[in-house]
Every structure is written in C-alpha cells, then in structure tokens.
C-alpha cells in the first residue's frame, strides 16, 4: 500500500528535518499501512503516554530520539511519569529506580514536551477544543477527549504518540473521521432509581458494565442524567476504557455529538439495543470488588485518573461530615494528583483538614508504575473503576470498590466498609 505524502512528509522521510523526524515519519507511514489508510492528516496537539512506563526499551527509544535531534513540532503534554519527582525519597522509592525515571522524564522535556505529568490532561493546560484533530495516548484521556470534549483522536499507543508529536502528522483513520464516530450500540437506562443516579459509583458501575458489553464499539447512552459532572464522566469513561476498549461514547443530551439520538447515530439504526437495569449495575458494582466486607484494610487509593480540585473539595467535605477522622493508624490513604490540581489545593482552605486526617498526596505518578505500594499490602480500597479493575493483577492485592464516603469510613475503621442499600434490587 502506497501512503500519499505531502512535500514536507517526503522531506522528513529523506532526513531533511533530521534523523529523529525521519525515524518518526517512517513509523507513521508504516502504521498508516497497518490502519489500512493511504493518507496522513495534520494533528495540532499531542499527549504522550510513552513516558509512563519505566523499561529499558522505553528509555532507549526516548533517548535515541533525543540524541538524533528529536523536537516536538506541536504543543505536547506528558502523561504521568513513574516517579513523584518531589517526594520519591519519602515514599521509599529506590534511588536506582528514581535516577532511571528522571532520565526518562528529562528525555521528553528536552524534546520540548510540556511537563504536565498527568493522566488527566483535560483538567489543566492545553485542553483541546471541539473538532480538534489530536494524537493522544492514555486510555482514559482518549475517551474523555473524544466523548466529553468532542476532539478527535485514536487510542495511540507508546511511541506512536511521540512520533505524531515530532511530525505533527497521524494516520487518517479511525476516530479522526466523522463517519467512524457514529454510535453503534444503544444502551437504554431503564427504571434506574433517581437517588442511585446521583451517586458517583453509579457512573463507575455503568462504565464497567459498558466496557464489558461493547468492547471497542461506540456506545450511545440514553437516560444519563444531564447534570452529570466532568468528574462523573471522567469516572465513567475511565472504567469503560479499562474493562473494554472504549475510545468514544455518546450520551444523549450530555455529550457534544449527541444532542439527539439521531445525531449520535448519524441517522443510522443501532446494531443492537441493550436495556440496562438496576440489577445489571449492581452486578457490575459487585464485580469490581474481590475483598470481603470487614477485611483488614491496608491502603485507600484515590485519584485514578488523577484527582481534580473539585474532588479534593468533595473529599474535605466528606471528611468533615464524618467527624474529621483521623484515619486508622494501620491504614494509609493515598491520593494521586497532578501539580495543577495540587497547586489549587494549596491555595484553598481545606489543606489542614486533609493533613489532619492523614492523607498522603502523591504527585506526577501512578501506583501501577512506581513502587509505592509494598509487598506487605494485601487489601486496597478505591472509588475508581480503573484502579479496581487493574489492582489485583498489577499490585497482587485484593480490592474493595465503593464510594468516596465508604472509602473514608473504611480508612477510619481500618477495615472494609461498604454501604449496599442503594444497590439493593427489589
């Protein structure tokens, strides 16, 4: 298959823009063939995920690009790094690991990337606009950008993201094209109690169920509350991108390409209609937990994806409502967040309540990529569908999933406590 190329594409392939651009463009041309397209398109922003995993191959590739003169040609943000760059010593990260992680970070920043170090780039700097063609990595960021913002990106894996950032080009395929963004499956929420729809865990359970049901199809949700917040939609998308491979969903009257059902389906009929009932959501909620009620709890993990400023506000309010704590001495509470959200937190009036409760704030990183959860940890609890889905395999732990309030109650008690009354199906 011959991929059509512009004059500048050919110049890059010939090495006129340097060895790094030549390598990056050759990879993109090969990947266009894999995608089954003969064209490349301009992208005007990138978010690089290949900085997240510390491995010899990742480090070698990044440093090779830098040594060959690699520089990004479009605004490019960076996913979380495998290190809290400020607090790694306090968190017990081995120095050998930290030095290697800092080399990886330096390689990307020296190529001109913006050191955002977050898996939730839509919460801060360079949030893309509706219809903008971008090249983003990180599954939850991709589904949020496509679904909630209406930007256009495929799920770009490691190395392809930085190649797009260097060249400003990407294969013209997949969700970059309007016709591939039409809804394929219709999920109708049927007789879901209004009180349940106000709960944050409702969105996680729906996302977890949706990912399992649709895999890599484009779902359309009918009946989602129009008052769903950004963080609700973040949680829904992150769960769906974990249990499935969802890169785009539409919610009628909520997301920008779904003002009506007809618009979401682009005038077509759904391939399948699935009625989602309370019993389905209860099963999805239960499926996210492997730890039993009353088990000794070692760590509560919040911020997967990274905690927003609004979530810090909710956490502080919930702690106050529950009497202020403190947490049980044998149970840690970790909150992962970005420097952007943390800077806003420091300007607020609820830093002290969180500190008094015993919260540990971790910046720039992810518990799955940096060694901050030791082998002595047996049971973790979270309000994140993504964390609950991956924790048993990545951390070799039992996991309990529930609401933010239940996580706080459990941290105070030192054991898993979950309120199930909202999920009881008559």
Protein backbone atom coordinates (compact mmCIF):
# COMPACT_ATOMS: atom_id res chain seq x y z
CA UNK A 1 0.00 0.00 0.00
CA UNK A 2 1.42 3.39 -1.02
CA UNK A 3 0.75 6.14 1.51
CA UNK A 4 0.20 9.56 -0.03
CA UNK A 5 2.62 12.05 1.43
CA UNK A 6 2.99 15.81 1.35
CA UNK A 7 6.17 17.57 0.31
CA UNK A 8 7.10 18.01 3.97
CA UNK A 9 6.37 14.34 4.71
CA UNK A 10 8.78 13.32 1.97
CA UNK A 11 11.39 15.75 3.20
CA UNK A 12 11.13 14.21 6.65
CA UNK A 13 11.46 10.71 5.19
CA UNK A 14 14.55 11.87 3.33
CA UNK A 15 16.12 13.18 6.53
CA UNK A 16 15.93 16.89 5.73
CA UNK A 17 14.37 17.56 9.14
CA UNK A 18 16.86 15.37 10.98
CA UNK A 19 17.26 11.74 11.90
CA UNK A 20 14.60 11.75 14.63
CA UNK A 21 11.92 13.15 12.30
CA UNK A 22 12.97 10.63 9.65
CA UNK A 23 12.52 7.75 12.11
CA UNK A 24 9.21 9.11 13.40
CA UNK A 25 7.78 9.62 9.92
CA UNK A 26 8.87 6.16 8.77
CA UNK A 27 7.00 4.66 11.73
CA UNK A 28 3.87 6.70 10.98
CA UNK A 29 3.88 5.66 7.32
CA UNK A 30 4.18 2.01 8.33
CA UNK A 31 1.37 2.40 10.85
CA UNK A 32 -0.85 4.06 8.24
CA UNK A 33 -0.50 0.87 6.23
CA UNK A 34 -1.45 -1.16 9.31
CA UNK A 35 -4.52 1.05 9.79
CA UNK A 36 -5.43 0.43 6.15
CA UNK A 37 -5.26 4.06 5.05
CA UNK A 38 -3.30 5.77 2.30
CA UNK A 39 -3.29 9.22 3.90
CA UNK A 40 -1.90 11.16 6.84
CA UNK A 41 -3.56 14.17 8.47
CA UNK A 42 -2.30 17.14 10.45
CA UNK A 43 -2.68 16.94 14.22
CA UNK A 44 -2.29 20.09 16.29
CA UNK A 45 -1.70 18.68 19.76
CA UNK A 46 -0.34 15.51 21.36
CA UNK A 47 -0.38 13.83 24.76
CA UNK A 48 2.43 11.33 25.21
CA UNK A 49 1.89 8.15 27.21
CA UNK A 50 5.24 6.54 26.38
CA UNK A 51 6.85 8.42 29.29
CA UNK A 52 4.74 6.48 31.79
CA UNK A 53 6.35 3.04 31.84
CA UNK A 54 9.93 2.68 33.02
CA UNK A 55 11.56 -0.03 30.94
CA UNK A 56 14.89 -0.30 29.15
CA UNK A 57 13.17 -0.17 25.75
CA UNK A 58 11.12 2.93 26.63
CA UNK A 59 14.18 4.74 27.95
CA UNK A 60 16.32 3.71 24.99
CA UNK A 61 13.74 4.86 22.45
CA UNK A 62 13.26 8.26 24.10
CA UNK A 63 16.96 8.91 24.49
CA UNK A 64 17.62 7.75 20.92
CA UNK A 65 15.09 10.26 19.59
CA UNK A 66 16.71 12.99 21.67
CA UNK A 67 20.23 12.08 20.55
CA UNK A 68 19.04 12.21 16.94
CA UNK A 69 17.80 15.75 17.42
CA UNK A 70 14.17 15.00 18.21
CA UNK A 71 11.93 18.01 18.97
CA UNK A 72 8.16 18.12 19.09
CA UNK A 73 6.57 20.30 16.42
CA UNK A 74 3.16 20.76 18.09
CA UNK A 75 2.11 21.51 21.69
CA UNK A 76 2.68 18.23 23.55
CA UNK A 77 1.73 17.37 27.12
CA UNK A 78 3.08 14.44 29.09
CA UNK A 79 1.31 11.62 30.88
CA UNK A 80 2.26 10.74 34.43
CA UNK A 81 5.88 9.66 34.99
CA UNK A 82 6.92 6.60 37.07
CA UNK A 83 8.06 8.84 39.93
CA UNK A 84 6.84 11.52 42.32
CA UNK A 85 9.64 13.90 41.37
CA UNK A 86 9.41 15.82 44.66
CA UNK A 87 8.64 13.15 47.23
CA UNK A 88 10.17 9.90 45.96
CA UNK A 89 12.58 9.57 48.88
CA UNK A 90 9.79 9.98 51.45
CA UNK A 91 7.74 7.39 49.57
CA UNK A 92 10.59 4.86 49.77
CA UNK A 93 11.38 4.63 46.05
CA UNK A 94 14.84 3.11 45.47
CA UNK A 95 17.40 5.61 44.20
CA UNK A 96 18.41 3.41 41.25
CA UNK A 97 14.79 3.39 40.04
CA UNK A 98 14.43 7.14 40.62
CA UNK A 99 17.56 8.03 38.65
CA UNK A 100 16.38 5.98 35.70
CA UNK A 101 12.89 7.53 35.86
CA UNK A 102 14.38 11.02 35.91
CA UNK A 103 16.40 10.18 32.80
CA UNK A 104 13.17 9.21 31.06
CA UNK A 105 11.48 12.45 32.18
CA UNK A 106 14.42 14.54 31.03
CA UNK A 107 14.47 12.93 27.59
CA UNK A 108 10.90 14.02 26.92
CA UNK A 109 11.17 17.51 28.38
CA UNK A 110 14.39 18.08 26.44
CA UNK A 111 12.41 17.26 23.28
CA UNK A 112 10.16 20.20 24.11
CA UNK A 113 7.24 18.43 25.78
CA UNK A 114 5.29 20.25 28.50
CA UNK A 115 5.92 18.58 31.90
CA UNK A 116 2.28 18.23 32.93
CA UNK A 117 2.88 14.68 34.24
CA UNK A 118 -0.78 13.75 34.46
CA UNK A 119 -3.10 11.03 33.16
CA UNK A 120 -5.92 13.62 33.18
CA UNK A 121 -4.59 16.32 30.83
CA UNK A 122 -8.13 17.54 30.13
CA UNK A 123 -8.18 19.03 33.66
CA UNK A 124 -5.44 21.55 33.02
CA UNK A 125 -3.15 23.05 30.45
CA UNK A 126 -3.97 22.85 26.71
CA UNK A 127 -7.41 21.26 26.99
CA UNK A 128 -8.37 20.55 23.35
CA UNK A 129 -11.41 22.10 21.69
CA UNK A 130 -14.34 20.54 19.87
CA UNK A 131 -13.38 19.04 16.50
CA UNK A 132 -9.65 19.49 17.03
CA UNK A 133 -7.51 16.72 15.50
CA UNK A 134 -5.10 15.49 18.17
CA UNK A 135 -2.87 12.48 18.90
CA UNK A 136 -3.37 11.39 22.49
CA UNK A 137 -2.19 8.37 24.41
CA UNK A 138 -3.59 7.12 27.79
CA UNK A 139 -6.91 5.32 27.57
CA UNK A 140 -8.95 7.47 29.98
CA UNK A 141 -7.65 10.68 28.39
CA UNK A 142 -8.56 9.43 24.92
CA UNK A 143 -12.14 8.51 25.82
CA UNK A 144 -12.63 11.82 27.65
CA UNK A 145 -11.21 13.90 24.79
CA UNK A 146 -13.36 12.15 22.20
CA UNK A 147 -16.56 11.87 24.21
CA UNK A 148 -16.76 14.87 26.54
CA UNK A 149 -14.73 17.43 24.61
CA UNK A 150 -15.54 16.30 21.09
CA UNK A 151 -11.90 16.39 19.99
CA UNK A 152 -10.74 13.63 17.61
CA UNK A 153 -8.08 11.07 18.39
CA UNK A 154 -7.46 7.35 18.19
CA UNK A 155 -6.06 5.35 21.09
CA UNK A 156 -2.39 6.00 20.36
CA UNK A 157 -0.01 3.59 21.99
CA UNK A 158 3.53 4.10 23.18
CA UNK A 159 5.98 5.56 20.65
CA UNK A 160 3.30 6.37 18.06
CA UNK A 161 2.27 9.31 20.24
CA UNK A 162 5.75 10.88 20.31
CA UNK A 163 6.17 10.20 16.58
CA UNK A 164 2.99 12.20 15.93
CA UNK A 165 4.25 14.94 18.25
CA UNK A 166 7.54 15.24 16.35
CA UNK A 167 6.00 15.22 12.86
CA UNK A 168 2.60 16.82 13.54
CA UNK A 169 1.03 14.02 11.49
CA UNK A 170 -1.07 10.91 12.12
CA UNK A 171 -2.80 8.23 10.02
CA UNK A 172 -6.12 9.42 8.59
CA UNK A 173 -8.21 6.65 10.09
CA UNK A 174 -10.49 5.60 12.93
CA UNK A 175 -11.99 8.27 15.12
CA UNK A 176 -10.32 11.08 13.22
CA UNK A 177 -13.10 10.57 10.66
CA UNK A 178 -16.69 11.64 11.34
CA UNK A 179 -18.23 8.51 9.81
CA UNK A 180 -16.36 6.33 12.31
CA UNK A 181 -17.69 8.33 15.26
CA UNK A 182 -21.33 7.35 14.84
CA UNK A 183 -22.93 5.34 17.62
CA UNK A 184 -23.16 1.60 17.03
CA UNK A 185 -24.86 0.18 20.15
CA UNK A 186 -27.68 1.81 22.12
CA UNK A 187 -27.68 1.39 25.91
CA UNK A 188 -31.02 2.42 27.42
CA UNK A 189 -31.12 3.06 31.17
CA UNK A 190 -34.40 1.55 32.34
CA UNK A 191 -36.05 2.25 35.70
CA UNK A 192 -32.85 3.36 37.45
CA UNK A 193 -33.81 4.98 40.78
CA UNK A 194 -33.09 8.73 40.70
CA UNK A 195 -31.23 8.54 44.01
CA UNK A 196 -28.86 5.93 42.57
CA UNK A 197 -28.15 8.19 39.58
CA UNK A 198 -26.88 10.85 41.99
CA UNK A 199 -24.16 8.54 43.29
CA UNK A 200 -20.61 8.67 41.91
CA UNK A 201 -20.43 4.87 41.99
CA UNK A 202 -23.34 4.71 39.53
CA UNK A 203 -21.11 6.17 36.81
CA UNK A 204 -18.28 3.75 37.55
CA UNK A 205 -20.58 0.74 37.57
CA UNK A 206 -22.16 1.88 34.30
CA UNK A 207 -18.74 2.39 32.73
CA UNK A 208 -17.52 -1.02 33.88
CA UNK A 209 -20.65 -2.68 32.52
CA UNK A 210 -20.49 -0.71 29.28
CA UNK A 211 -16.88 -1.68 28.59
CA UNK A 212 -17.68 -5.35 29.05
CA UNK A 213 -20.73 -5.10 26.80
CA UNK A 214 -19.41 -3.05 23.89
CA UNK A 215 -15.63 -3.70 23.90
CA UNK A 216 -14.31 -1.41 21.12
CA UNK A 217 -17.68 -0.35 19.67
CA UNK A 218 -19.10 3.18 20.03
CA UNK A 219 -21.95 3.11 22.55
CA UNK A 220 -24.79 5.60 22.86
CA UNK A 221 -26.29 6.01 26.34
CA UNK A 222 -29.92 7.05 26.62
CA UNK A 223 -31.11 8.23 30.03
CA UNK A 224 -27.86 9.53 31.57
CA UNK A 225 -28.58 12.47 33.90
CA UNK A 226 -27.94 15.78 32.15
CA UNK A 227 -26.42 17.11 35.39
CA UNK A 228 -23.53 14.63 35.17
CA UNK A 229 -20.34 16.46 36.18
CA UNK A 230 -16.96 16.40 34.47
CA UNK A 231 -15.68 14.05 37.17
CA UNK A 232 -18.68 11.74 36.73
CA UNK A 233 -17.96 11.49 33.01
CA UNK A 234 -14.26 11.03 33.73
CA UNK A 235 -15.04 8.08 36.00
CA UNK A 236 -17.48 6.57 33.51
CA UNK A 237 -15.05 6.77 30.61
CA UNK A 238 -12.05 5.52 32.58
CA UNK A 239 -13.97 2.44 33.74
CA UNK A 240 -15.23 1.72 30.21
CA UNK A 241 -11.76 2.11 28.72
CA UNK A 242 -10.42 -0.39 31.28
CA UNK A 243 -12.98 -3.21 31.15
CA UNK A 244 -13.32 -2.72 27.39
CA UNK A 245 -11.50 -0.70 24.76
CA UNK A 246 -13.97 2.17 24.59
CA UNK A 247 -12.44 5.26 22.98
CA UNK A 248 -15.67 7.18 22.41
CA UNK A 249 -19.16 7.13 23.89
CA UNK A 250 -22.15 9.37 23.32
CA UNK A 251 -24.72 10.31 25.98
CA UNK A 252 -27.93 11.83 24.68
CA UNK A 253 -28.28 15.46 25.78
CA UNK A 254 -24.97 15.34 27.66
CA UNK A 255 -22.03 14.94 25.26
CA UNK A 256 -21.40 17.33 22.36
CA UNK A 257 -22.04 14.99 19.44
CA UNK A 258 -25.28 13.63 20.89
CA UNK A 259 -27.81 16.43 21.22
CA UNK A 260 -30.32 13.90 19.88
CA UNK A 261 -30.32 10.15 19.35
CA UNK A 262 -30.42 10.71 15.60
CA UNK A 263 -27.30 12.88 15.77
CA UNK A 264 -25.40 10.32 17.85
CA UNK A 265 -26.29 7.55 15.39
CA UNK A 266 -25.68 9.85 12.39
CA UNK A 267 -29.08 8.90 11.01
CA UNK A 268 -28.44 5.16 11.18
CA UNK A 269 -30.04 2.44 13.30
CA UNK A 270 -28.14 0.88 16.19
CA UNK A 271 -26.65 -2.54 15.60
CA UNK A 272 -28.13 -3.61 18.91
CA UNK A 273 -30.28 -2.16 21.69
CA UNK A 274 -29.39 -3.13 25.25
CA UNK A 275 -31.62 -2.28 28.21
CA UNK A 276 -29.58 -1.59 31.34
CA UNK A 277 -31.42 -2.13 34.63
CA UNK A 278 -30.52 -1.70 38.29
CA UNK A 279 -29.70 -5.39 38.63
CA UNK A 280 -27.11 -5.10 35.83
CA UNK A 281 -25.47 -2.14 37.55
CA UNK A 282 -25.48 -3.91 40.92
CA UNK A 283 -23.71 -6.90 39.32
CA UNK A 284 -21.11 -4.57 37.75
CA UNK A 285 -20.60 -2.81 41.09
CA UNK A 286 -20.05 -6.15 42.82
CA UNK A 287 -17.74 -7.38 40.06
CA UNK A 288 -15.24 -4.62 40.85
CA UNK A 289 -14.52 -6.00 44.35
CA UNK A 290 -12.58 -9.07 45.41
CA UNK A 291 -12.16 -8.15 49.08
CA UNK A 292 -14.90 -9.03 51.57
CA UNK A 293 -16.73 -6.73 53.97
CA UNK A 294 -14.85 -6.39 57.26
CA UNK A 295 -11.42 -7.38 55.92
CA UNK A 296 -8.44 -5.52 57.37
CA UNK A 297 -7.66 -2.62 55.07
CA UNK A 298 -4.08 -1.57 54.26
CA UNK A 299 -4.43 1.30 51.80
CA UNK A 300 -7.14 3.53 50.36
CA UNK A 301 -6.18 4.76 46.87
CA UNK A 302 -7.90 7.74 45.28
CA UNK A 303 -7.02 9.61 42.10
CA UNK A 304 -7.08 7.11 39.25
CA UNK A 305 -7.36 9.09 36.97
CA UNK A 306 -5.69 11.94 38.83
CA UNK A 307 -7.77 13.76 41.44
CA UNK A 308 -9.26 17.08 40.35
CA UNK A 309 -9.58 20.17 42.53
CA UNK A 310 -13.34 19.55 42.71
CA UNK A 311 -12.67 16.06 44.06
CA UNK A 312 -10.40 17.49 46.76
CA UNK A 313 -13.29 19.74 47.76
CA UNK A 314 -15.65 16.77 47.93
CA UNK A 315 -13.14 14.77 49.96
CA UNK A 316 -12.66 17.56 52.50
CA UNK A 317 -16.42 17.98 52.86
CA UNK A 318 -16.97 14.24 53.28
CA UNK A 319 -14.27 14.03 55.96
CA UNK A 320 -15.90 16.93 57.81
CA UNK A 321 -19.33 15.30 57.53
CA UNK A 322 -17.88 12.12 59.08
CA UNK A 323 -16.37 13.94 62.04
CA UNK A 324 -12.92 14.72 60.68
CA UNK A 325 -11.24 11.38 61.30
CA UNK A 326 -8.40 10.73 61.76
CA UNK A 327 -7.74 7.61 59.69
CA UNK A 328 -6.88 4.33 61.39
CA UNK A 329 -3.14 4.14 62.17
CA UNK A 330 -2.69 0.91 60.18
CA UNK A 331 -4.43 2.20 57.04
CA UNK A 332 -2.78 4.60 54.60
CA UNK A 333 -4.76 6.95 52.37
CA UNK A 334 -3.00 7.85 49.11
CA UNK A 335 -4.30 10.47 46.69
CA UNK A 336 -2.68 10.71 43.29
CA UNK A 337 -2.94 14.05 41.54
CA UNK A 338 -1.26 16.50 39.20
CA UNK A 339 0.77 19.56 40.05
CA UNK A 340 -2.06 21.68 38.62
CA UNK A 341 -4.73 20.36 40.98
CA UNK A 342 -2.28 20.32 43.90
CA UNK A 343 -1.39 23.99 43.33
CA UNK A 344 -5.06 24.90 43.52
CA UNK A 345 -5.43 22.79 46.65
CA UNK A 346 -2.59 24.68 48.35
CA UNK A 347 -4.47 27.93 47.76
CA UNK A 348 -7.63 26.56 49.38
CA UNK A 349 -8.79 26.45 52.97
CA UNK A 350 -9.06 22.68 53.24
CA UNK A 351 -5.42 21.61 53.20
CA UNK A 352 -5.36 21.34 57.00
CA UNK A 353 -8.41 19.03 57.28
CA UNK A 354 -6.84 16.65 54.77
CA UNK A 355 -3.49 16.78 56.55
CA UNK A 356 -5.14 16.22 59.94
CA UNK A 357 -6.95 13.20 58.55
CA UNK A 358 -3.62 11.70 57.48
CA UNK A 359 -3.88 11.92 53.70
CA UNK A 360 -0.70 11.31 51.68
CA UNK A 361 -0.65 13.26 48.42
CA UNK A 362 1.39 11.76 45.59
CA UNK A 363 2.26 13.88 42.57
CA UNK A 364 3.01 13.21 38.90
CA UNK A 365 2.73 9.43 39.01
CA UNK A 366 0.60 6.29 39.28
CA UNK A 367 0.63 3.46 41.82
CA UNK A 368 0.84 0.95 38.96
CA UNK A 369 4.09 2.43 37.62
CA UNK A 370 6.05 3.48 40.69
CA UNK A 371 6.98 1.27 43.68
CA UNK A 372 4.97 2.98 46.45
CA UNK A 373 2.71 0.02 47.30
CA UNK A 374 4.87 -2.54 49.09
CA UNK A 375 4.52 -6.34 49.08
CA UNK A 376 3.13 -6.20 52.62
CA UNK A 377 -0.04 -4.61 51.22
CA UNK A 378 -2.80 -7.20 50.92
CA UNK A 379 -6.07 -5.21 50.67
CA UNK A 380 -6.70 -1.86 48.98
CA UNK A 381 -9.89 0.15 48.60
CA UNK A 382 -10.78 2.70 45.95
CA UNK A 383 -13.62 4.66 44.39
CA UNK A 384 -12.02 4.26 40.95
CA UNK A 385 -13.24 1.68 38.46
CA UNK A 386 -9.91 1.79 36.65
CA UNK A 387 -7.93 1.18 39.85
CA UNK A 388 -10.30 -1.59 40.96
CA UNK A 389 -10.02 -3.30 37.56
CA UNK A 390 -6.22 -3.30 37.39
CA UNK A 391 -5.14 -3.50 41.06
CA UNK A 392 -5.45 -7.29 41.56
CA UNK A 393 -3.19 -8.02 38.59
CA UNK A 394 -0.76 -5.11 38.88
CA UNK A 395 -0.38 -4.94 42.65
CA UNK A 396 -1.20 -8.55 43.61
CA UNK A 397 -3.82 -7.40 46.14
CA UNK A 398 -7.46 -7.88 46.99
CA UNK A 399 -9.52 -4.81 46.14
CA UNK A 400 -12.70 -3.29 47.50
CA UNK A 401 -14.58 -0.79 45.34
CA UNK A 402 -17.14 1.68 46.66
CA UNK A 403 -18.00 5.36 47.03
CA UNK A 404 -15.74 8.13 48.31
CA UNK A 405 -17.73 8.20 51.55
CA UNK A 406 -17.26 4.44 52.04
CA UNK A 407 -13.52 4.82 51.40
CA UNK A 408 -13.29 7.42 54.17
CA UNK A 409 -15.37 5.36 56.59
CA UNK A 410 -13.15 2.36 55.87
CA UNK A 411 -9.97 4.38 56.37
CA UNK A 412 -11.26 5.48 59.77
CA UNK A 413 -12.30 1.95 60.79
CA UNK A 414 -9.26 0.20 59.31
CA UNK A 415 -11.50 -2.41 57.69
CA UNK A 416 -13.56 -2.59 54.50
CA UNK A 417 -16.97 -0.95 54.99
CA UNK A 418 -19.41 -0.69 52.08
CA UNK A 419 -22.94 0.71 52.08
CA UNK A 420 -25.01 -1.54 49.83
CA UNK A 421 -28.52 -0.24 50.49
CA UNK A 422 -28.62 1.89 47.33
CA UNK A 423 -27.79 -1.17 45.25
CA UNK A 424 -30.46 -3.46 46.63
CA UNK A 425 -32.73 -4.59 43.84
CA UNK A 426 -36.33 -5.31 44.78
